[in-house]
Amino acid sequence: YLYASGRPNSLEAGEDLAGGSANYVGLRQGDVILRYDEVRIFGPGDLLDASSRGEAGSSVRMEILREGRRRTLYIERGPLGALMNHNRALPLED
């Protein structure tokens, strides 16, 4: 629906901040965040909500898209420590 209505529907990692969780687990600039702890991510609000649920500091699964391939990272729950870009991209098939 977001894509069809011309609205942003994906969240891409931008510049990482020194010492952040994203840098520690290998999140790279350009990686698209697909899921965070089993929650589908379409924008910054989704990521903020998902990362603030549960026990701070616990390990969560994060699914990303890097260079056309899905990958799984495990990251500490909480702020990622990276700037994010809210973009419009073709929907992915699950």
PDB file of N, CA and C in Angstrom:
ATOM      1  N   TYR A   1       0.813  -1.185   0.000  1.00  0.00           N
ATOM      2  CA  TYR A   1       0.000   0.000   0.000  1.00  0.00           C
ATOM      3  C   TYR A   1       0.868   1.265   0.000  1.00  0.00           C
ATOM      4  N   LEU A   2       1.907   1.282   0.850  1.00  0.00           N
ATOM      5  CA  LEU A   2       2.769   2.468   0.918  1.00  0.00           C
ATOM      6  C   LEU A   2       3.413   2.757  -0.436  1.00  0.00           C
ATOM      7  N   TYR A   3       3.966   1.717  -1.052  1.00  0.00           N
ATOM      8  CA  TYR A   3       4.621   1.892  -2.352  1.00  0.00           C
ATOM      9  C   TYR A   3       3.618   2.387  -3.395  1.00  0.00           C
ATOM     10  N   ALA A   4       2.457   1.754  -3.445  1.00  0.00           N
ATOM     11  CA  ALA A   4       1.451   2.107  -4.442  1.00  0.00           C
ATOM     12  C   ALA A   4       0.963   3.545  -4.268  1.00  0.00           C
ATOM     13  N   SER A   5       0.979   4.033  -3.037  1.00  0.00           N
ATOM     14  CA  SER A   5       0.519   5.404  -2.793  1.00  0.00           C
ATOM     15  C   SER A   5       1.654   6.427  -2.879  1.00  0.00           C
ATOM     16  N   GLY A   6       2.859   5.963  -3.280  1.00  0.00           N
ATOM     17  CA  GLY A   6       3.984   6.876  -3.481  1.00  0.00           C
ATOM     18  C   GLY A   6       4.707   7.278  -2.207  1.00  0.00           C
ATOM     19  N   ARG A   7       4.445   6.560  -1.118  1.00  0.00           N
ATOM     20  CA  ARG A   7       5.065   6.901   0.166  1.00  0.00           C
ATOM     21  C   ARG A   7       6.283   6.023   0.442  1.00  0.00           C
ATOM     22  N   PRO A   8       7.223   6.489   1.264  1.00  0.00           N
ATOM     23  CA  PRO A   8       8.379   5.675   1.632  1.00  0.00           C
ATOM     24  C   PRO A   8       7.941   4.393   2.325  1.00  0.00           C
ATOM     25  N   ASN A   9       8.653   3.298   2.050  1.00  0.00           N
ATOM     26  CA  ASN A   9       8.268   2.004   2.605  1.00  0.00           C
ATOM     27  C   ASN A   9       9.461   1.140   3.013  1.00  0.00           C
ATOM     28  N   SER A  10      10.650   1.718   3.065  1.00  0.00           N
ATOM     29  CA  SER A  10      11.805   0.932   3.491  1.00  0.00           C
ATOM     30  C   SER A  10      12.753   1.814   4.291  1.00  0.00           C
ATOM     31  N   LEU A  11      13.559   1.158   5.119  1.00  0.00           N
ATOM     32  CA  LEU A  11      14.488   1.864   5.983  1.00  0.00           C
ATOM     33  C   LEU A  11      15.897   1.357   5.705  1.00  0.00           C
ATOM     34  N   GLU A  12      16.743   2.264   5.259  1.00  0.00           N
ATOM     35  CA  GLU A  12      18.109   1.923   4.855  1.00  0.00           C
ATOM     36  C   GLU A  12      19.104   2.528   5.838  1.00  0.00           C
ATOM     37  N   ALA A  13      20.093   1.721   6.208  1.00  0.00           N
ATOM     38  CA  ALA A  13      21.132   2.202   7.116  1.00  0.00           C
ATOM     39  C   ALA A  13      21.999   3.224   6.413  1.00  0.00           C
ATOM     40  N   GLY A  14      22.218   4.325   7.089  1.00  0.00           N
ATOM     41  CA  GLY A  14      23.107   5.364   6.602  1.00  0.00           C
ATOM     42  C   GLY A  14      24.413   5.291   7.386  1.00  0.00           C
ATOM     43  N   GLU A  15      24.952   6.425   7.682  1.00  0.00           N
ATOM     44  CA  GLU A  15      26.222   6.515   8.415  1.00  0.00           C
ATOM     45  C   GLU A  15      26.057   5.952   9.821  1.00  0.00           C
ATOM     46  N   ASP A  16      27.015   5.105  10.244  1.00  0.00           N
ATOM     47  CA  ASP A  16      26.953   4.592  11.610  1.00  0.00           C
ATOM     48  C   ASP A  16      27.707   5.524  12.546  1.00  0.00           C
ATOM     49  N   LEU A  17      27.266   5.512  13.784  1.00  0.00           N
ATOM     50  CA  LEU A  17      27.854   6.367  14.797  1.00  0.00           C
ATOM     51  C   LEU A  17      28.868   5.553  15.583  1.00  0.00           C
ATOM     52  N   ALA A  18      30.015   6.103  15.849  1.00  0.00           N
ATOM     53  CA  ALA A  18      31.096   5.379  16.540  1.00  0.00           C
ATOM     54  C   ALA A  18      30.582   4.777  17.840  1.00  0.00           C
ATOM     55  N   GLY A  19      30.903   3.510  18.039  1.00  0.00           N
ATOM     56  CA  GLY A  19      30.556   2.826  19.275  1.00  0.00           C
ATOM     57  C   GLY A  19      29.137   2.300  19.340  1.00  0.00           C
ATOM     58  N   GLY A  20      28.363   2.429  18.277  1.00  0.00           N
ATOM     59  CA  GLY A  20      26.977   1.968  18.293  1.00  0.00           C
ATOM     60  C   GLY A  20      26.862   0.481  18.032  1.00  0.00           C
ATOM     61  N   SER A  21      25.716  -0.080  18.381  1.00  0.00           N
ATOM     62  CA  SER A  21      25.447  -1.507  18.171  1.00  0.00           C
ATOM     63  C   SER A  21      25.526  -1.893  16.704  1.00  0.00           C
ATOM     64  N   ALA A  22      25.062  -1.012  15.823  1.00  0.00           N
ATOM     65  CA  ALA A  22      25.067  -1.314  14.387  1.00  0.00           C
ATOM     66  C   ALA A  22      26.483  -1.582  13.894  1.00  0.00           C
ATOM     67  N   ASN A  23      27.410  -0.766  14.310  1.00  0.00           N
ATOM     68  CA  ASN A  23      28.806  -0.938  13.915  1.00  0.00           C
ATOM     69  C   ASN A  23      29.363  -2.246  14.464  1.00  0.00           C
ATOM     70  N   TYR A  24      29.040  -2.557  15.688  1.00  0.00           N
ATOM     71  CA  TYR A  24      29.549  -3.752  16.362  1.00  0.00           C
ATOM     72  C   TYR A  24      29.113  -5.042  15.666  1.00  0.00           C
ATOM     73  N   VAL A  25      27.868  -5.098  15.175  1.00  0.00           N
ATOM     74  CA  VAL A  25      27.363  -6.326  14.550  1.00  0.00           C
ATOM     75  C   VAL A  25      27.585  -6.371  13.044  1.00  0.00           C
ATOM     76  N   GLY A  26      28.123  -5.308  12.473  1.00  0.00           N
ATOM     77  CA  GLY A  26      28.451  -5.317  11.052  1.00  0.00           C
ATOM     78  C   GLY A  26      27.394  -4.755  10.128  1.00  0.00           C
ATOM     79  N   LEU A  27      26.444  -3.994  10.653  1.00  0.00           N
ATOM     80  CA  LEU A  27      25.477  -3.328   9.779  1.00  0.00           C
ATOM     81  C   LEU A  27      26.235  -2.321   8.930  1.00  0.00           C
ATOM     82  N   ARG A  28      25.985  -2.327   7.642  1.00  0.00           N
ATOM     83  CA  ARG A  28      26.709  -1.447   6.723  1.00  0.00           C
ATOM     84  C   ARG A  28      25.791  -0.399   6.119  1.00  0.00           C
ATOM     85  N   GLN A  29      26.400   0.692   5.729  1.00  0.00           N
ATOM     86  CA  GLN A  29      25.653   1.734   5.025  1.00  0.00           C
ATOM     87  C   GLN A  29      25.046   1.118   3.770  1.00  0.00           C
ATOM     88  N   GLY A  30      23.763   1.349   3.544  1.00  0.00           N
ATOM     89  CA  GLY A  30      23.066   0.780   2.387  1.00  0.00           C
ATOM     90  C   GLY A  30      22.273  -0.475   2.700  1.00  0.00           C
ATOM     91  N   ASP A  31      22.532  -1.127   3.847  1.00  0.00           N
ATOM     92  CA  ASP A  31      21.735  -2.292   4.240  1.00  0.00           C
ATOM     93  C   ASP A  31      20.301  -1.833   4.497  1.00  0.00           C
ATOM     94  N   VAL A  32      19.331  -2.620   4.040  1.00  0.00           N
ATOM     95  CA  VAL A  32      17.922  -2.317   4.262  1.00  0.00           C
ATOM     96  C   VAL A  32      17.435  -3.190   5.414  1.00  0.00           C
ATOM     97  N   ILE A  33      16.838  -2.575   6.412  1.00  0.00           N
ATOM     98  CA  ILE A  33      16.326  -3.310   7.574  1.00  0.00           C
ATOM     99  C   ILE A  33      14.950  -3.854   7.212  1.00  0.00           C
ATOM    100  N   LEU A  34      14.818  -5.172   7.196  1.00  0.00           N
ATOM    101  CA  LEU A  34      13.549  -5.812   6.848  1.00  0.00           C
ATOM    102  C   LEU A  34      12.726  -6.154   8.083  1.00  0.00           C
ATOM    103  N   ARG A  35      13.371  -6.739   9.079  1.00  0.00           N
ATOM    104  CA  ARG A  35      12.690  -7.156  10.314  1.00  0.00           C
ATOM    105  C   ARG A  35      13.600  -6.908  11.502  1.00  0.00           C
ATOM    106  N   TYR A  36      12.977  -6.567  12.599  1.00  0.00           N
ATOM    107  CA  TYR A  36      13.687  -6.403  13.865  1.00  0.00           C
ATOM    108  C   TYR A  36      12.872  -7.177  14.887  1.00  0.00           C
ATOM    109  N   ASP A  37      13.449  -8.242  15.435  1.00  0.00           N
ATOM    110  CA  ASP A  37      12.754  -9.091  16.403  1.00  0.00           C
ATOM    111  C   ASP A  37      11.391  -9.529  15.869  1.00  0.00           C
ATOM    112  N   GLU A  38      11.371 -10.022  14.638  1.00  0.00           N
ATOM    113  CA  GLU A  38      10.186 -10.555  13.956  1.00  0.00           C
ATOM    114  C   GLU A  38       9.149  -9.494  13.566  1.00  0.00           C
ATOM    115  N   VAL A  39       9.436  -8.221  13.764  1.00  0.00           N
ATOM    116  CA  VAL A  39       8.525  -7.142  13.370  1.00  0.00           C
ATOM    117  C   VAL A  39       8.975  -6.603  12.023  1.00  0.00           C
ATOM    118  N   ARG A  40       8.080  -6.541  11.031  1.00  0.00           N
ATOM    119  CA  ARG A  40       8.404  -6.009   9.710  1.00  0.00           C
ATOM    120  C   ARG A  40       8.613  -4.501   9.841  1.00  0.00           C
ATOM    121  N   ILE A  41       9.716  -4.024   9.273  1.00  0.00           N
ATOM    122  CA  ILE A  41      10.083  -2.615   9.383  1.00  0.00           C
ATOM    123  C   ILE A  41       9.821  -1.914   8.049  1.00  0.00           C
ATOM    124  N   PHE A  42       8.979  -0.877   8.087  1.00  0.00           N
ATOM    125  CA  PHE A  42       8.687  -0.074   6.900  1.00  0.00           C
ATOM    126  C   PHE A  42       9.201   1.353   7.039  1.00  0.00           C
ATOM    127  N   GLY A  43       9.502   1.769   8.266  1.00  0.00           N
ATOM    128  CA  GLY A  43       9.962   3.134   8.487  1.00  0.00           C
ATOM    129  C   GLY A  43      10.553   3.313   9.866  1.00  0.00           C
ATOM    130  N   PRO A  44      11.020   4.513  10.155  1.00  0.00           N
ATOM    131  CA  PRO A  44      11.698   4.773  11.422  1.00  0.00           C
ATOM    132  C   PRO A  44      10.818   4.537  12.654  1.00  0.00           C
ATOM    133  N   GLY A  45       9.530   4.814  12.554  1.00  0.00           N
ATOM    134  CA  GLY A  45       8.628   4.579  13.683  1.00  0.00           C
ATOM    135  C   GLY A  45       8.530   3.109  14.032  1.00  0.00           C
ATOM    136  N   ASP A  46       8.503   2.252  12.998  1.00  0.00           N
ATOM    137  CA  ASP A  46       8.451   0.801  13.229  1.00  0.00           C
ATOM    138  C   ASP A  46       9.694   0.334  13.978  1.00  0.00           C
ATOM    139  N   LEU A  47      10.848   0.833  13.553  1.00  0.00           N
ATOM    140  CA  LEU A  47      12.098   0.431  14.195  1.00  0.00           C
ATOM    141  C   LEU A  47      12.162   0.940  15.631  1.00  0.00           C
ATOM    142  N   LEU A  48      11.748   2.170  15.854  1.00  0.00           N
ATOM    143  CA  LEU A  48      11.749   2.732  17.197  1.00  0.00           C
ATOM    144  C   LEU A  48      10.842   1.926  18.126  1.00  0.00           C
ATOM    145  N   ASP A  49       9.638   1.612  17.661  1.00  0.00           N
ATOM    146  CA  ASP A  49       8.709   0.820  18.473  1.00  0.00           C
ATOM    147  C   ASP A  49       9.278  -0.559  18.787  1.00  0.00           C
ATOM    148  N   ALA A  50       9.791  -1.248  17.760  1.00  0.00           N
ATOM    149  CA  ALA A  50      10.302  -2.606  17.950  1.00  0.00           C
ATOM    150  C   ALA A  50      11.531  -2.632  18.850  1.00  0.00           C
ATOM    151  N   SER A  51      12.414  -1.663  18.703  1.00  0.00           N
ATOM    152  CA  SER A  51      13.655  -1.673  19.487  1.00  0.00           C
ATOM    153  C   SER A  51      13.440  -1.252  20.935  1.00  0.00           C
ATOM    154  N   SER A  52      12.307  -0.611  21.221  1.00  0.00           N
ATOM    155  CA  SER A  52      12.050  -0.179  22.597  1.00  0.00           C
ATOM    156  C   SER A  52      11.196  -1.179  23.373  1.00  0.00           C
ATOM    157  N   ARG A  53      10.690  -2.206  22.721  1.00  0.00           N
ATOM    158  CA  ARG A  53       9.916  -3.260  23.404  1.00  0.00           C
ATOM    159  C   ARG A  53      10.877  -4.260  24.029  1.00  0.00           C
ATOM    160  N   GLY A  54      10.416  -4.971  25.005  1.00  0.00           N
ATOM    161  CA  GLY A  54      11.211  -6.051  25.590  1.00  0.00           C
ATOM    162  C   GLY A  54      12.293  -5.538  26.524  1.00  0.00           C
ATOM    163  N   GLU A  55      13.189  -6.429  26.872  1.00  0.00           N
ATOM    164  CA  GLU A  55      14.248  -6.128  27.830  1.00  0.00           C
ATOM    165  C   GLU A  55      15.444  -5.472  27.147  1.00  0.00           C
ATOM    166  N   ALA A  56      15.785  -4.280  27.602  1.00  0.00           N
ATOM    167  CA  ALA A  56      16.935  -3.552  27.045  1.00  0.00           C
ATOM    168  C   ALA A  56      18.191  -4.398  27.201  1.00  0.00           C
ATOM    169  N   GLY A  57      18.987  -4.434  26.148  1.00  0.00           N
ATOM    170  CA  GLY A  57      20.245  -5.169  26.178  1.00  0.00           C
ATOM    171  C   GLY A  57      20.132  -6.629  25.775  1.00  0.00           C
ATOM    172  N   SER A  58      18.903  -7.154  25.635  1.00  0.00           N
ATOM    173  CA  SER A  58      18.761  -8.545  25.200  1.00  0.00           C
ATOM    174  C   SER A  58      19.120  -8.653  23.720  1.00  0.00           C
ATOM    175  N   SER A  59      19.503  -9.830  23.288  1.00  0.00           N
ATOM    176  CA  SER A  59      19.884 -10.051  21.893  1.00  0.00           C
ATOM    177  C   SER A  59      18.629 -10.307  21.056  1.00  0.00           C
ATOM    178  N   VAL A  60      18.519  -9.602  19.928  1.00  0.00           N
ATOM    179  CA  VAL A  60      17.380  -9.796  19.032  1.00  0.00           C
ATOM    180  C   VAL A  60      17.876 -10.066  17.611  1.00  0.00           C
ATOM    181  N   ARG A  61      17.034 -10.754  16.877  1.00  0.00           N
ATOM    182  CA  ARG A  61      17.327 -11.084  15.478  1.00  0.00           C
ATOM    183  C   ARG A  61      16.910  -9.905  14.612  1.00  0.00           C
ATOM    184  N   MET A  62      17.775  -9.528  13.678  1.00  0.00           N
ATOM    185  CA  MET A  62      17.467  -8.460  12.745  1.00  0.00           C
ATOM    186  C   MET A  62      17.748  -8.985  11.334  1.00  0.00           C
ATOM    187  N   GLU A  63      16.753  -8.944  10.484  1.00  0.00           N
ATOM    188  CA  GLU A  63      16.911  -9.394   9.100  1.00  0.00           C
ATOM    189  C   GLU A  63      17.154  -8.175   8.233  1.00  0.00           C
ATOM    190  N   ILE A  64      18.175  -8.250   7.390  1.00  0.00           N
ATOM    191  CA  ILE A  64      18.520  -7.148   6.506  1.00  0.00           C
ATOM    192  C   ILE A  64      18.611  -7.639   5.068  1.00  0.00           C
ATOM    193  N   LEU A  65      18.622  -6.693   4.150  1.00  0.00           N
ATOM    194  CA  LEU A  65      18.863  -6.972   2.738  1.00  0.00           C
ATOM    195  C   LEU A  65      20.143  -6.242   2.364  1.00  0.00           C
ATOM    196  N   ARG A  66      21.136  -7.007   1.933  1.00  0.00           N
ATOM    197  CA  ARG A  66      22.428  -6.440   1.535  1.00  0.00           C
ATOM    198  C   ARG A  66      22.778  -6.969   0.149  1.00  0.00           C
ATOM    199  N   GLU A  67      22.923  -6.046  -0.796  1.00  0.00           N
ATOM    200  CA  GLU A  67      23.302  -6.402  -2.171  1.00  0.00           C
ATOM    201  C   GLU A  67      22.394  -7.492  -2.734  1.00  0.00           C
ATOM    202  N   GLY A  68      21.094  -7.366  -2.478  1.00  0.00           N
ATOM    203  CA  GLY A  68      20.109  -8.290  -3.022  1.00  0.00           C
ATOM    204  C   GLY A  68      19.946  -9.593  -2.266  1.00  0.00           C
ATOM    205  N   ARG A  69      20.684  -9.795  -1.185  1.00  0.00           N
ATOM    206  CA  ARG A  69      20.595 -11.049  -0.422  1.00  0.00           C
ATOM    207  C   ARG A  69      20.146 -10.763   1.003  1.00  0.00           C
ATOM    208  N   ARG A  70      19.250 -11.604   1.484  1.00  0.00           N
ATOM    209  CA  ARG A  70      18.803 -11.489   2.874  1.00  0.00           C
ATOM    210  C   ARG A  70      19.863 -12.061   3.800  1.00  0.00           C
ATOM    211  N   ARG A  71      20.088 -11.361   4.905  1.00  0.00           N
ATOM    212  CA  ARG A  71      21.056 -11.795   5.909  1.00  0.00           C
ATOM    213  C   ARG A  71      20.446 -11.590   7.284  1.00  0.00           C
ATOM    214  N   THR A  72      20.965 -12.322   8.250  1.00  0.00           N
ATOM    215  CA  THR A  72      20.501 -12.200   9.625  1.00  0.00           C
ATOM    216  C   THR A  72      21.645 -11.731  10.503  1.00  0.00           C
ATOM    217  N   LEU A  73      21.357 -10.719  11.312  1.00  0.00           N
ATOM    218  CA  LEU A  73      22.308 -10.226  12.307  1.00  0.00           C
ATOM    219  C   LEU A  73      21.647 -10.359  13.668  1.00  0.00           C
ATOM    220  N   TYR A  74      22.438 -10.497  14.706  1.00  0.00           N
ATOM    221  CA  TYR A  74      21.916 -10.500  16.067  1.00  0.00           C
ATOM    222  C   TYR A  74      22.494  -9.279  16.760  1.00  0.00           C
ATOM    223  N   ILE A  75      21.604  -8.455  17.304  1.00  0.00           N
ATOM    224  CA  ILE A  75      21.994  -7.163  17.827  1.00  0.00           C
ATOM    225  C   ILE A  75      21.380  -6.961  19.208  1.00  0.00           C
ATOM    226  N   GLU A  76      22.020  -6.141  20.005  1.00  0.00           N
ATOM    227  CA  GLU A  76      21.504  -5.812  21.324  1.00  0.00           C
ATOM    228  C   GLU A  76      20.295  -4.898  21.181  1.00  0.00           C
ATOM    229  N   ARG A  77      19.207  -5.238  21.891  1.00  0.00           N
ATOM    230  CA  ARG A  77      17.984  -4.438  21.807  1.00  0.00           C
ATOM    231  C   ARG A  77      18.248  -3.020  22.298  1.00  0.00           C
ATOM    232  N   GLY A  78      17.773  -2.065  21.539  1.00  0.00           N
ATOM    233  CA  GLY A  78      17.935  -0.660  21.883  1.00  0.00           C
ATOM    234  C   GLY A  78      18.336   0.126  20.653  1.00  0.00           C
ATOM    235  N   PRO A  79      18.778   1.358  20.829  1.00  0.00           N
ATOM    236  CA  PRO A  79      19.176   2.186  19.687  1.00  0.00           C
ATOM    237  C   PRO A  79      20.295   1.518  18.880  1.00  0.00           C
ATOM    238  N   LEU A  80      20.203   1.621  17.554  1.00  0.00           N
ATOM    239  CA  LEU A  80      21.206   0.981  16.693  1.00  0.00           C
ATOM    240  C   LEU A  80      22.504   1.769  16.621  1.00  0.00           C
ATOM    241  N   GLY A  81      22.421   3.055  16.819  1.00  0.00           N
ATOM    242  CA  GLY A  81      23.625   3.867  16.702  1.00  0.00           C
ATOM    243  C   GLY A  81      24.001   4.117  15.249  1.00  0.00           C
ATOM    244  N   ALA A  82      22.996   4.309  14.411  1.00  0.00           N
ATOM    245  CA  ALA A  82      23.229   4.589  12.988  1.00  0.00           C
ATOM    246  C   ALA A  82      22.144   5.529  12.493  1.00  0.00           C
ATOM    247  N   LEU A  83      22.501   6.372  11.566  1.00  0.00           N
ATOM    248  CA  LEU A  83      21.510   7.210  10.912  1.00  0.00           C
ATOM    249  C   LEU A  83      20.735   6.347   9.932  1.00  0.00           C
ATOM    250  N   MET A  84      19.471   6.640   9.723  1.00  0.00           N
ATOM    251  CA  MET A  84      18.627   5.846   8.843  1.00  0.00           C
ATOM    252  C   MET A  84      18.032   6.739   7.762  1.00  0.00           C
ATOM    253  N   ASN A  85      17.830   6.159   6.595  1.00  0.00           N
ATOM    254  CA  ASN A  85      17.218   6.849   5.468  1.00  0.00           C
ATOM    255  C   ASN A  85      15.902   6.162   5.142  1.00  0.00           C
ATOM    256  N   HIS A  86      14.811   6.916   5.168  1.00  0.00           N
ATOM    257  CA  HIS A  86      13.493   6.379   4.853  1.00  0.00           C
ATOM    258  C   HIS A  86      13.281   6.541   3.351  1.00  0.00           C
ATOM    259  N   ASN A  87      13.188   5.432   2.630  1.00  0.00           N
ATOM    260  CA  ASN A  87      13.131   5.440   1.174  1.00  0.00           C
ATOM    261  C   ASN A  87      11.883   4.744   0.650  1.00  0.00           C
ATOM    262  N   ARG A  88      11.680   4.876  -0.632  1.00  0.00           N
ATOM    263  CA  ARG A  88      10.623   4.150  -1.340  1.00  0.00           C
ATOM    264  C   ARG A  88      11.296   3.098  -2.209  1.00  0.00           C
ATOM    265  N   ALA A  89      10.878   1.836  -2.054  1.00  0.00           N
ATOM    266  CA  ALA A  89      11.464   0.740  -2.814  1.00  0.00           C
ATOM    267  C   ALA A  89      10.373  -0.253  -3.203  1.00  0.00           C
ATOM    268  N   LEU A  90      10.619  -1.004  -4.248  1.00  0.00           N
ATOM    269  CA  LEU A  90       9.669  -2.047  -4.652  1.00  0.00           C
ATOM    270  C   LEU A  90       9.437  -2.995  -3.488  1.00  0.00           C
ATOM    271  N   PRO A  91       8.195  -3.402  -3.253  1.00  0.00           N
ATOM    272  CA  PRO A  91       7.918  -4.343  -2.161  1.00  0.00           C
ATOM    273  C   PRO A  91       8.625  -5.668  -2.396  1.00  0.00           C
ATOM    274  N   LEU A  92       9.037  -6.306  -1.302  1.00  0.00           N
ATOM    275  CA  LEU A  92       9.680  -7.607  -1.362  1.00  0.00           C
ATOM    276  C   LEU A  92       8.659  -8.701  -1.109  1.00  0.00           C
ATOM    277  N   GLU A  93       8.890  -9.848  -1.677  1.00  0.00           N
ATOM    278  CA  GLU A  93       8.048 -11.012  -1.395  1.00  0.00           C
ATOM    279  C   GLU A  93       8.593 -11.692  -0.154  1.00  0.00           C
ATOM    280  N   ASP A  94       7.701 -12.061   0.771  1.00  0.00           N
ATOM    281  CA  ASP A  94       8.133 -12.773   1.974  1.00  0.00           C
ATOM    282  C   ASP A  94       8.194 -14.239   1.753  1.00  0.00           C
TER     283      ASP A  94
END
